[in-house]
C-alpha atoms as a PDB file:
ATOM      1  CA  MET A   1     150.488 160.022  95.197  1.00  0.00           C
ATOM      2  CA  SER A   2     150.969 156.551  96.431  1.00  0.00           C
ATOM      3  CA  ASP A   3     150.962 155.859 100.119  1.00  0.00           C
ATOM      4  CA  ILE A   4     154.217 153.963  99.850  1.00  0.00           C
ATOM      5  CA  GLU A   5     156.380 156.093 102.117  1.00  0.00           C
ATOM      6  CA  LYS A   6     159.840 155.116 103.259  1.00  0.00           C
ATOM      7  CA  ILE A   7     162.527 156.338 105.554  1.00  0.00           C
ATOM      8  CA  GLN A   8     165.620 155.929 103.374  1.00  0.00           C
ATOM      9  CA  LEU A   9     169.109 156.109 104.812  1.00  0.00           C
ATOM     10  CA  PHE A  10     172.086 158.003 103.414  1.00  0.00           C
ATOM     11  CA  GLU A  11     175.190 157.673 105.591  1.00  0.00           C
ATOM     12  CA  ASN A  12     172.919 156.529 108.458  1.00  0.00           C
ATOM     13  CA  LYS A  13     170.853 159.707 108.220  1.00  0.00           C
ATOM     14  CA  LYS A  14     167.121 159.528 107.555  1.00  0.00           C
ATOM     15  CA  ILE A  15     165.603 160.924 104.368  1.00  0.00           C
ATOM     16  CA  ARG A  16     161.840 160.713 103.971  1.00  0.00           C
ATOM     17  CA  THR A  17     160.585 159.684 100.554  1.00  0.00           C
ATOM     18  CA  ALA A  18     157.254 158.946  98.855  1.00  0.00           C
ATOM     19  CA  TRP A  19     156.590 156.943  95.705  1.00  0.00           C
ATOM     20  CA  ASP A  20     154.212 158.358  93.054  1.00  0.00           C
ATOM     21  CA  GLU A  21     152.633 155.343  91.359  1.00  0.00           C
ATOM     22  CA  GLY A  22     151.188 157.417  88.511  1.00  0.00           C
ATOM     23  CA  LYS A  23     154.425 159.193  87.632  1.00  0.00           C
ATOM     24  CA  GLN A  24     156.557 156.177  88.568  1.00  0.00           C
ATOM     25  CA  GLU A  25     159.091 158.229  90.491  1.00  0.00           C
ATOM     26  CA  TRP A  26     160.289 159.006  94.000  1.00  0.00           C
ATOM     27  CA  PHE A  27     159.817 162.325  95.759  1.00  0.00           C
ATOM     28  CA  PHE A  28     162.416 163.308  98.362  1.00  0.00           C
ATOM     29  CA  SER A  29     162.027 165.551 101.414  1.00  0.00           C
ATOM     30  CA  ILE A  30     164.014 168.693 100.580  1.00  0.00           C
ATOM     31  CA  VAL A  31     164.550 169.559 104.243  1.00  0.00           C
ATOM     32  CA  ASP A  32     166.029 166.122 104.921  1.00  0.00           C
ATOM     33  CA  VAL A  33     168.393 166.311 101.947  1.00  0.00           C
ATOM     34  CA  CYS A  34     169.498 169.839 102.937  1.00  0.00           C
ATOM     35  CA  GLY A  35     170.144 168.610 106.475  1.00  0.00           C
ATOM     36  CA  VAL A  36     172.315 165.750 105.235  1.00  0.00           C
ATOM     37  CA  LEU A  37     174.315 167.834 102.772  1.00  0.00           C
ATOM     38  CA  THR A  38     175.042 170.604 105.263  1.00  0.00           C
ATOM     39  CA  ASP A  39     175.430 168.419 108.373  1.00  0.00           C
ATOM     40  CA  GLN A  40     172.694 170.191 110.305  1.00  0.00           C
ATOM     41  CA  PRO A  41     172.469 168.890 113.909  1.00  0.00           C
ATOM     42  CA  THR A  42     168.657 169.125 114.144  1.00  0.00           C
ATOM     43  CA  LYS A  43     165.595 169.064 111.910  1.00  0.00           C
ATOM     44  CA  GLU A  44     164.842 172.645 112.955  1.00  0.00           C
ATOM     45  CA  ARG A  45     168.258 173.810 111.728  1.00  0.00           C
ATOM     46  CA  ALA A  46     167.685 171.904 108.471  1.00  0.00           C
ATOM     47  CA  ARG A  47     164.307 173.606 108.012  1.00  0.00           C
ATOM     48  CA  ASN A  48     165.880 177.029 108.607  1.00  0.00           C
ATOM     49  CA  TYR A  49     168.608 176.255 106.057  1.00  0.00           C
ATOM     50  CA  TRP A  50     166.025 175.335 103.407  1.00  0.00           C
ATOM     51  CA  LYS A  51     163.968 178.436 104.296  1.00  0.00           C
ATOM     52  CA  VAL A  52     166.965 180.725 103.721  1.00  0.00           C
ATOM     53  CA  LEU A  53     168.030 178.877 100.560  1.00  0.00           C
ATOM     54  CA  LYS A  54     164.493 179.003  99.170  1.00  0.00           C
ATOM     55  CA  SER A  55     164.261 182.744  99.839  1.00  0.00           C
ATOM     56  CA  ARG A  56     167.606 183.326  98.119  1.00  0.00           C
ATOM     57  CA  MET A  57     166.593 181.297  95.077  1.00  0.00           C
ATOM     58  CA  ILE A  58     163.331 183.230  94.751  1.00  0.00           C
ATOM     59  CA  LYS A  59     165.192 186.562  94.906  1.00  0.00           C
ATOM     60  CA  GLU A  60     167.557 185.307  92.204  1.00  0.00           C
ATOM     61  CA  GLY A  61     164.592 184.595  89.963  1.00  0.00           C
ATOM     62  CA  SER A  62     164.892 180.806  90.100  1.00  0.00           C
ATOM     63  CA  GLU A  63     161.759 178.904  89.103  1.00  0.00           C
ATOM     64  CA  LEU A  64     162.837 175.745  90.947  1.00  0.00           C
ATOM     65  CA  VAL A  65     161.009 176.641  94.157  1.00  0.00           C
ATOM     66  CA  THR A  66     157.671 177.042  92.351  1.00  0.00           C
ATOM     67  CA  LYS A  67     158.018 173.513  90.971  1.00  0.00           C
ATOM     68  CA  CYS A  68     158.324 171.919  94.402  1.00  0.00           C
ATOM     69  CA  ASN A  69     155.413 169.854  95.664  1.00  0.00           C
ATOM     70  CA  ARG A  70     154.137 169.614  99.230  1.00  0.00           C
ATOM     71  CA  LEU A  71     153.189 166.294 100.781  1.00  0.00           C
ATOM     72  CA  LYS A  72     152.183 165.247 104.264  1.00  0.00           C
ATOM     73  CA  LEU A  73     155.025 163.068 105.527  1.00  0.00           C
ATOM     74  CA  VAL A  74     155.529 161.581 108.975  1.00  0.00           C
ATOM     75  CA  ALA A  75     157.448 164.049 111.155  1.00  0.00           C
ATOM     76  CA  GLU A  76     159.641 163.336 114.173  1.00  0.00           C
ATOM     77  CA  ASP A  77     156.614 163.449 116.493  1.00  0.00           C
ATOM     78  CA  GLY A  78     154.819 160.787 114.441  1.00  0.00           C
ATOM     79  CA  LYS A  79     152.284 163.215 112.969  1.00  0.00           C
ATOM     80  CA  ARG A  80     151.890 163.912 109.259  1.00  0.00           C
ATOM     81  CA  ARG A  81     152.961 167.428 108.367  1.00  0.00           C
ATOM     82  CA  ALA A  82     153.145 169.266 105.038  1.00  0.00           C
ATOM     83  CA  THR A  83     156.694 169.042 103.716  1.00  0.00           C
ATOM     84  CA  ASP A  84     158.404 170.425 100.608  1.00  0.00           C
ATOM     85  CA  VAL A  85     159.378 167.554  98.313  1.00  0.00           C
ATOM     86  CA  ALA A  86     161.035 167.285  94.911  1.00  0.00           C
ATOM     87  CA  ASP A  87     161.397 164.562  92.315  1.00  0.00           C
ATOM     88  CA  MET A  88     164.885 163.336  91.491  1.00  0.00           C
ATOM     89  CA  THR A  89     165.473 165.764  88.603  1.00  0.00           C
ATOM     90  CA  LEU A  90     164.386 168.809  90.591  1.00  0.00           C
ATOM     91  CA  MET A  91     166.252 167.607  93.665  1.00  0.00           C
ATOM     92  CA  PHE A  92     169.465 167.369  91.638  1.00  0.00           C
ATOM     93  CA  ARG A  93     169.038 170.993  90.559  1.00  0.00           C
ATOM     94  CA  ILE A  94     168.445 172.141  94.128  1.00  0.00           C
ATOM     95  CA  ILE A  95     171.531 170.227  95.272  1.00  0.00           C
ATOM     96  CA  GLU A  96     173.578 172.232  92.755  1.00  0.00           C
ATOM     97  CA  SER A  97     172.727 175.332  94.797  1.00  0.00           C
ATOM     98  CA  ILE A  98     174.123 173.810  98.004  1.00  0.00           C
ATOM     99  CA  PRO A  99     177.911 173.989  98.490  1.00  0.00           C
ATOM    100  CA  SER A 100     178.772 170.516  99.786  1.00  0.00           C
ATOM    101  CA  LYS A 101     181.319 167.784  99.157  1.00  0.00           C
ATOM    102  CA  LYS A 102     178.491 165.280  99.522  1.00  0.00           C
ATOM    103  CA  ALA A 103     176.641 166.545  96.448  1.00  0.00           C
ATOM    104  CA  GLU A 104     177.842 163.833  94.071  1.00  0.00           C
ATOM    105  CA  PRO A 105     177.531 160.893  96.513  1.00  0.00           C
ATOM    106  CA  ILE A 106     173.952 161.796  97.348  1.00  0.00           C
ATOM    107  CA  LYS A 107     173.104 162.072  93.650  1.00  0.00           C
ATOM    108  CA  VAL A 108     174.438 158.568  93.125  1.00  0.00           C
ATOM    109  CA  TRP A 109     172.432 157.367  96.122  1.00  0.00           C
ATOM    110  CA  MET A 110     169.216 158.941  94.814  1.00  0.00           C
ATOM    111  CA  ALA A 111     169.737 157.331  91.413  1.00  0.00           C
ATOM    112  CA  GLN A 112     170.187 153.957  93.131  1.00  0.00           C
ATOM    113  CA  VAL A 113     166.932 154.433  95.058  1.00  0.00           C
ATOM    114  CA  ALA A 114     165.113 155.163  91.790  1.00  0.00           C
ATOM    115  CA  ALA A 115     166.713 152.183  90.044  1.00  0.00           C
ATOM    116  CA  GLU A 116     165.600 149.828  92.808  1.00  0.00           C
ATOM    117  CA  ARG A 117     161.996 150.879  92.290  1.00  0.00           C
ATOM    118  CA  ILE A 118     162.225 150.335  88.530  1.00  0.00           C
ATOM    119  CA  ASN A 119     163.593 146.839  89.159  1.00  0.00           C
ATOM    120  CA  GLN A 120     160.618 146.135  91.413  1.00  0.00           C
ATOM    121  CA  ALA A 121     158.250 147.172  88.621  1.00  0.00           C
ATOM    122  CA  ILE A 122     159.957 144.713  86.277  1.00  0.00           C
ATOM    123  CA  ASP A 123     159.956 141.906  88.870  1.00  0.00           C
ATOM    124  CA  PRO A 124     156.596 141.764  90.753  1.00  0.00           C
ATOM    125  CA  GLU A 125     158.094 139.521  93.447  1.00  0.00           C
ATOM    126  CA  ARG A 126     160.532 142.303  94.374  1.00  0.00           C
ATOM    127  CA  SER A 127     157.631 144.745  94.536  1.00  0.00           C
ATOM    128  CA  ILE A 128     155.730 142.530  96.976  1.00  0.00           C
ATOM    129  CA  ASP A 129     158.855 142.039  99.093  1.00  0.00           C
ATOM    130  CA  GLN A 130     159.330 145.806  99.174  1.00  0.00           C
ATOM    131  CA  ALA A 131     155.708 146.391 100.168  1.00  0.00           C
ATOM    132  CA  ILE A 132     156.108 143.959 103.075  1.00  0.00           C
ATOM    133  CA  ALA A 133     159.266 145.773 104.193  1.00  0.00           C
ATOM    134  CA  ASP A 134     157.504 149.146 103.924  1.00  0.00           C
ATOM    135  CA  TYR A 135     154.564 148.026 106.068  1.00  0.00           C
ATOM    136  CA  ARG A 136     156.916 146.547 108.653  1.00  0.00           C
ATOM    137  CA  ARG A 137     158.803 149.840 108.869  1.00  0.00           C
ATOM    138  CA  LEU A 138     155.496 151.598 109.515  1.00  0.00           C
ATOM    139  CA  GLY A 139     154.784 149.225 112.380  1.00  0.00           C
ATOM    140  CA  TYR A 140     151.852 147.166 111.058  1.00  0.00           C
ATOM    141  CA  SER A 141     151.358 143.692 112.568  1.00  0.00           C
ATOM    142  CA  GLU A 142     152.460 140.600 110.649  1.00  0.00           C
ATOM    143  CA  ALA A 143     148.862 139.310 110.536  1.00  0.00           C
ATOM    144  CA  TRP A 144     147.627 142.560 109.008  1.00  0.00           C
ATOM    145  CA  ILE A 145     150.522 142.671 106.526  1.00  0.00           C
ATOM    146  CA  ASN A 146     149.808 139.123 105.329  1.00  0.00           C
ATOM    147  CA  GLN A 147     146.171 139.993 104.773  1.00  0.00           C
ATOM    148  CA  ARG A 148     147.009 143.279 103.027  1.00  0.00           C
ATOM    149  CA  ILE A 149     149.461 141.636 100.621  1.00  0.00           C
ATOM    150  CA  LYS A 150     146.840 139.045  99.702  1.00  0.00           C
ATOM    151  CA  THR A 151     144.318 141.797  98.955  1.00  0.00           C
ATOM    152  CA  ILE A 152     146.846 143.447  96.622  1.00  0.00           C
ATOM    153  CA  GLU A 153     147.066 140.196  94.632  1.00  0.00           C
ATOM    154  CA  ILE A 154     143.276 139.880  94.546  1.00  0.00           C
ATOM    155  CA  ARG A 155     142.858 143.486  93.404  1.00  0.00           C
ATOM    156  CA  LYS A 156     145.395 142.931  90.615  1.00  0.00           C
ATOM    157  CA  GLY A 157     143.434 139.884  89.446  1.00  0.00           C
ATOM    158  CA  LEU A 158     140.225 141.900  89.305  1.00  0.00           C
ATOM    159  CA  THR A 159     141.714 144.835  87.406  1.00  0.00           C
ATOM    160  CA  ASP A 160     143.260 142.406  84.925  1.00  0.00           C
ATOM    161  CA  GLU A 161     139.780 140.967  84.355  1.00  0.00           C
ATOM    162  CA  TRP A 162     138.348 144.436  83.845  1.00  0.00           C
ATOM    163  CA  LYS A 163     141.010 145.183  81.268  1.00  0.00           C
ATOM    164  CA  ARG A 164     140.294 141.888  79.532  1.00  0.00           C
ATOM    165  CA  GLY A 165     136.646 142.895  79.433  1.00  0.00           C
ATOM    166  CA  GLY A 166     137.430 146.160  77.664  1.00  0.00           C
ATOM    167  CA  VAL A 167     137.628 148.562  80.603  1.00  0.00           C
ATOM    168  CA  THR A 168     140.631 150.832  80.026  1.00  0.00           C
ATOM    169  CA  LYS A 169     139.802 154.328  81.311  1.00  0.00           C
ATOM    170  CA  GLU A 170     140.867 155.368  84.805  1.00  0.00           C
ATOM    171  CA  VAL A 171     137.473 156.980  85.377  1.00  0.00           C
ATOM    172  CA  ASP A 172     135.787 153.638  84.643  1.00  0.00           C
ATOM    173  CA  PHE A 173     138.075 151.790  87.058  1.00  0.00           C
ATOM    174  CA  ALA A 174     137.130 154.370  89.706  1.00  0.00           C
ATOM    175  CA  PHE A 175     133.429 153.951  88.876  1.00  0.00           C
ATOM    176  CA  LEU A 176     133.574 150.159  89.253  1.00  0.00           C
ATOM    177  CA  THR A 177     135.547 150.428  92.484  1.00  0.00           C
ATOM    178  CA  ASP A 178     133.024 152.872  93.934  1.00  0.00           C
ATOM    179  CA  LEU A 179     130.139 150.661  92.804  1.00  0.00           C
ATOM    180  CA  MET A 180     131.573 147.673  94.658  1.00  0.00           C
ATOM    181  CA  SER A 181     132.406 149.681  97.765  1.00  0.00           C
ATOM    182  CA  LYS A 182     128.931 151.244  97.897  1.00  0.00           C
ATOM    183  CA  THR A 183     127.279 147.869  97.422  1.00  0.00           C
ATOM    184  CA  TRP A 184     129.022 145.897 100.161  1.00  0.00           C
ATOM    185  CA  SER A 185     129.860 148.633 102.688  1.00  0.00           C
ATOM    186  CA  GLY A 186     127.134 151.198 102.002  1.00  0.00           C
ATOM    187  CA  MET A 187     129.692 153.886 101.167  1.00  0.00           C
ATOM    188  CA  THR A 188     131.660 155.015  98.129  1.00  0.00           C
ATOM    189  CA  THR A 189     135.439 155.163  98.459  1.00  0.00           C
ATOM    190  CA  ARG A 190     135.321 158.897  99.211  1.00  0.00           C
ATOM    191  CA  GLU A 191     132.555 158.474 101.789  1.00  0.00           C
ATOM    192  CA  TYR A 192     134.423 155.576 103.367  1.00  0.00           C
ATOM    193  CA  LYS A 193     137.612 157.649 103.674  1.00  0.00           C
ATOM    194  CA  ARG A 194     135.674 160.531 105.196  1.00  0.00           C
ATOM    195  CA  TYR A 195     134.059 158.104 107.661  1.00  0.00           C
ATOM    196  CA  LYS A 196     137.531 157.016 108.797  1.00  0.00           C
ATOM    197  CA  GLY A 197     138.824 160.586 108.946  1.00  0.00           C
ATOM    198  CA  LEU A 198     141.234 160.106 106.051  1.00  0.00           C
ATOM    199  CA  THR A 199     142.329 162.630 103.425  1.00  0.00           C
ATOM    200  CA  LYS A 200     145.155 161.553 101.103  1.00  0.00           C
ATOM    201  CA  GLU A 201     145.824 158.292 102.953  1.00  0.00           C
ATOM    202  CA  ASN A 202     145.144 154.987 101.229  1.00  0.00           C
ATOM    203  CA  LEU A 203     141.786 153.561 102.360  1.00  0.00           C
ATOM    204  CA  ARG A 204     142.871 149.918 102.285  1.00  0.00           C
ATOM    205  CA  ASP A 205     145.948 150.694 104.350  1.00  0.00           C
ATOM    206  CA  ASN A 206     143.548 151.848 107.044  1.00  0.00           C
ATOM    207  CA  MET A 207     141.019 149.012 106.903  1.00  0.00           C
ATOM    208  CA  THR A 208     140.679 146.533 109.738  1.00  0.00           C
ATOM    209  CA  ASN A 209     141.280 142.841 109.035  1.00  0.00           C
ATOM    210  CA  MET A 210     137.527 142.236 108.740  1.00  0.00           C
ATOM    211  CA  GLU A 211     137.069 145.106 106.297  1.00  0.00           C
ATOM    212  CA  LEU A 212     139.970 143.848 104.196  1.00  0.00           C
ATOM    213  CA  LEU A 213     138.462 140.351 104.164  1.00  0.00           C
ATOM    214  CA  LEU A 214     135.029 141.541 103.050  1.00  0.00           C
ATOM    215  CA  ASN A 215     136.454 143.808 100.368  1.00  0.00           C
ATOM    216  CA  ALA A 216     138.635 140.939  99.136  1.00  0.00           C
ATOM    217  CA  LEU A 217     135.621 138.616  99.089  1.00  0.00           C
ATOM    218  CA  ALA A 218     133.757 141.072  96.863  1.00  0.00           C
ATOM    219  CA  GLU A 219     136.690 141.426  94.458  1.00  0.00           C
ATOM    220  CA  GLU A 220     137.607 137.740  94.308  1.00  0.00           C
ATOM    221  CA  THR A 221     133.970 136.763  93.687  1.00  0.00           C
ATOM    222  CA  ALA A 222     133.645 139.339  90.916  1.00  0.00           C
ATOM    223  CA  THR A 223     136.873 138.068  89.358  1.00  0.00           C
ATOM    224  CA  GLU A 224     135.678 134.453  89.284  1.00  0.00           C
ATOM    225  CA  ILE A 225     132.261 135.413  87.849  1.00  0.00           C
ATOM    226  CA  SER A 226     133.987 137.494  85.192  1.00  0.00           C
ATOM    227  CA  LYS A 227     136.187 134.576  84.162  1.00  0.00           C
ATOM    228  CA  GLN A 228     133.075 132.458  83.603  1.00  0.00           C
ATOM    229  CA  ARG A 229     130.981 135.032  81.730  1.00  0.00           C
ATOM    230  CA  ASP A 230     133.558 136.965  79.673  1.00  0.00           C
ATOM    231  CA  PRO A 231     131.863 140.381  79.947  1.00  0.00           C
ATOM    232  CA  GLU A 232     132.414 143.094  77.346  1.00  0.00           C
ATOM    233  CA  GLY A 233     132.252 146.792  78.060  1.00  0.00           C
ATOM    234  CA  LEU A 234     131.592 148.859  81.156  1.00  0.00           C
ATOM    235  CA  ALA A 235     127.923 147.941  81.624  1.00  0.00           C
ATOM    236  CA  GLU A 236     128.491 144.170  81.710  1.00  0.00           C
ATOM    237  CA  ASN A 237     131.527 144.532  83.969  1.00  0.00           C
ATOM    238  CA  ALA A 238     129.501 146.754  86.284  1.00  0.00           C
ATOM    239  CA  GLY A 239     126.788 144.114  86.589  1.00  0.00           C
ATOM    240  CA  ILE A 240     129.342 141.474  87.586  1.00  0.00           C
ATOM    241  CA  ALA A 241     131.112 143.869  89.968  1.00  0.00           C
ATOM    242  CA  LYS A 242     127.806 144.489  91.736  1.00  0.00           C
ATOM    243  CA  GLU A 243     127.131 140.736  91.974  1.00  0.00           C
ATOM    244  CA  GLY A 244     130.487 140.121  93.586  1.00  0.00           C
ATOM    245  CA  ALA A 245     129.923 142.952  96.057  1.00  0.00           C
ATOM    246  CA  GLU A 246     126.444 141.620  96.915  1.00  0.00           C
ATOM    247  CA  VAL A 247     128.068 138.399  98.114  1.00  0.00           C
ATOM    248  CA  ALA A 248     130.299 140.407 100.456  1.00  0.00           C
ATOM    249  CA  LYS A 249     127.294 142.462 101.581  1.00  0.00           C
ATOM    250  CA  SER A 250     125.426 139.299 102.568  1.00  0.00           C
ATOM    251  CA  ALA A 251     128.493 138.053 104.454  1.00  0.00           C
ATOM    252  CA  ARG A 252     128.835 141.405 106.226  1.00  0.00           C
ATOM    253  CA  LYS A 253     125.215 141.350 107.368  1.00  0.00           C
ATOM    254  CA  GLU A 254     125.553 137.792 108.670  1.00  0.00           C
ATOM    255  CA  VAL A 255     128.724 138.647 110.610  1.00  0.00           C
ATOM    256  CA  GLU A 256     127.148 141.802 112.039  1.00  0.00           C
ATOM    257  CA  LYS A 257     124.063 139.834 113.075  1.00  0.00           C
ATOM    258  CA  ARG A 258     126.217 137.439 115.060  1.00  0.00           C
ATOM    259  CA  LEU A 259     128.482 140.123 116.533  1.00  0.00           C
ATOM    260  CA  GLY A 260     125.728 142.613 117.264  1.00  0.00           C
ATOM    261  CA  ARG A 261     127.718 145.497 115.830  1.00  0.00           C
ATOM    262  CA  SER A 262     128.835 147.001 112.540  1.00  0.00           C
ATOM    263  CA  VAL A 263     132.084 145.710 111.053  1.00  0.00           C
ATOM    264  CA  VAL A 264     132.417 148.785 108.850  1.00  0.00           C
ATOM    265  CA  SER A 265     134.398 150.824 111.314  1.00  0.00           C
ATOM    266  CA  PRO A 266     135.808 154.352 111.688  1.00  0.00           C
ATOM    267  CA  GLU A 267     138.774 152.599 113.289  1.00  0.00           C
ATOM    268  CA  LYS A 268     142.033 152.955 111.344  1.00  0.00           C
ATOM    269  CA  ALA A 269     144.680 150.243 111.238  1.00  0.00           C
ATOM    270  CA  ILE A 270     147.335 152.965 111.478  1.00  0.00           C
ATOM    271  CA  ASP A 271     146.004 153.880 114.950  1.00  0.00           C
ATOM    272  CA  HIS A 272     147.402 150.660 116.319  1.00  0.00           C
ATOM    273  CA  ILE A 273     150.979 150.857 115.059  1.00  0.00           C
ATOM    274  CA  GLN A 274     153.870 151.468 117.398  1.00  0.00           C
ATOM    275  CA  SER A 275     154.995 154.906 118.499  1.00  0.00           C
ATOM    276  CA  PRO A 276     157.573 156.612 116.214  1.00  0.00           C
ATOM    277  CA  GLU A 277     160.527 155.893 118.508  1.00  0.00           C
ATOM    278  CA  GLU A 278     159.636 152.178 118.463  1.00  0.00           C
ATOM    279  CA  LEU A 279     159.279 151.847 114.707  1.00  0.00           C
ATOM    280  CA  PRO A 280     161.746 149.599 112.885  1.00  0.00           C
ATOM    281  CA  PHE A 281     162.923 152.451 110.647  1.00  0.00           C
ATOM    282  CA  SER A 282     164.290 154.239 113.720  1.00  0.00           C
ATOM    283  CA  LYS A 283     167.002 151.586 113.935  1.00  0.00           C
ATOM    284  CA  PRO A 284     169.689 152.091 111.225  1.00  0.00           C
ATOM    285  CA  ASP A 285     170.904 148.502 111.406  1.00  0.00           C
ATOM    286  CA  GLU A 286     167.491 147.261 110.274  1.00  0.00           C
ATOM    287  CA  GLN A 287     167.358 149.285 107.036  1.00  0.00           C
END
């Protein structure tokens, strides 16, 4: 599941969503949709409504409930809590079980949300603009956002080079990524996430500016070397990936020597965002 989470608005009411990059579809918080459709005054009342509806559907033999996923989405208190979510198709079927005059309008709204994401996939510039808006809603600083967007471009350039060099399997992309991470930082992606106390969260979204810079240096260097040497196959690409990461490793050691401390940090960028009530997405006029 991608870490692109958004607070969408339907009739000025918040609906939490998450984008699945692999499946190329949105997942919607069922509790939030139930709350909107039935005009529940609080999140607690919305949760109780979904609890009763879910129980009724199970008793009726419906298989819809078993197809629901659970994701950790940001709750009202700012903490991530497991929440029942459904893709658009499943959400439509659940909506059919809720007596509400808003059923059709919310279906149209959900389809529009999905269409916007497809348009972003077709037009990369829209996708970047959306990413910037998403990070702003989550409260990241402008300096961090600028750096993060640049690293996305650099990463895309590297993966394009890997594809050009014959790397096509997801497992091989993961292997090369881990190789580079281990080389420059001393940790694989999984070890790095554990070091920062992350689970499903995106590692790069939780890197400090210095970590992002070093990781970008490794990837950009590997990309440029690859363009010169035209590697073929996993082994040759791995050798170049390691070379690029060695450059970043040398830079890291030099910076740490001058600072007198490690720049590979357990600190998470997300720890420094604003409190939930201060976030931009809490203001309907800024959606």
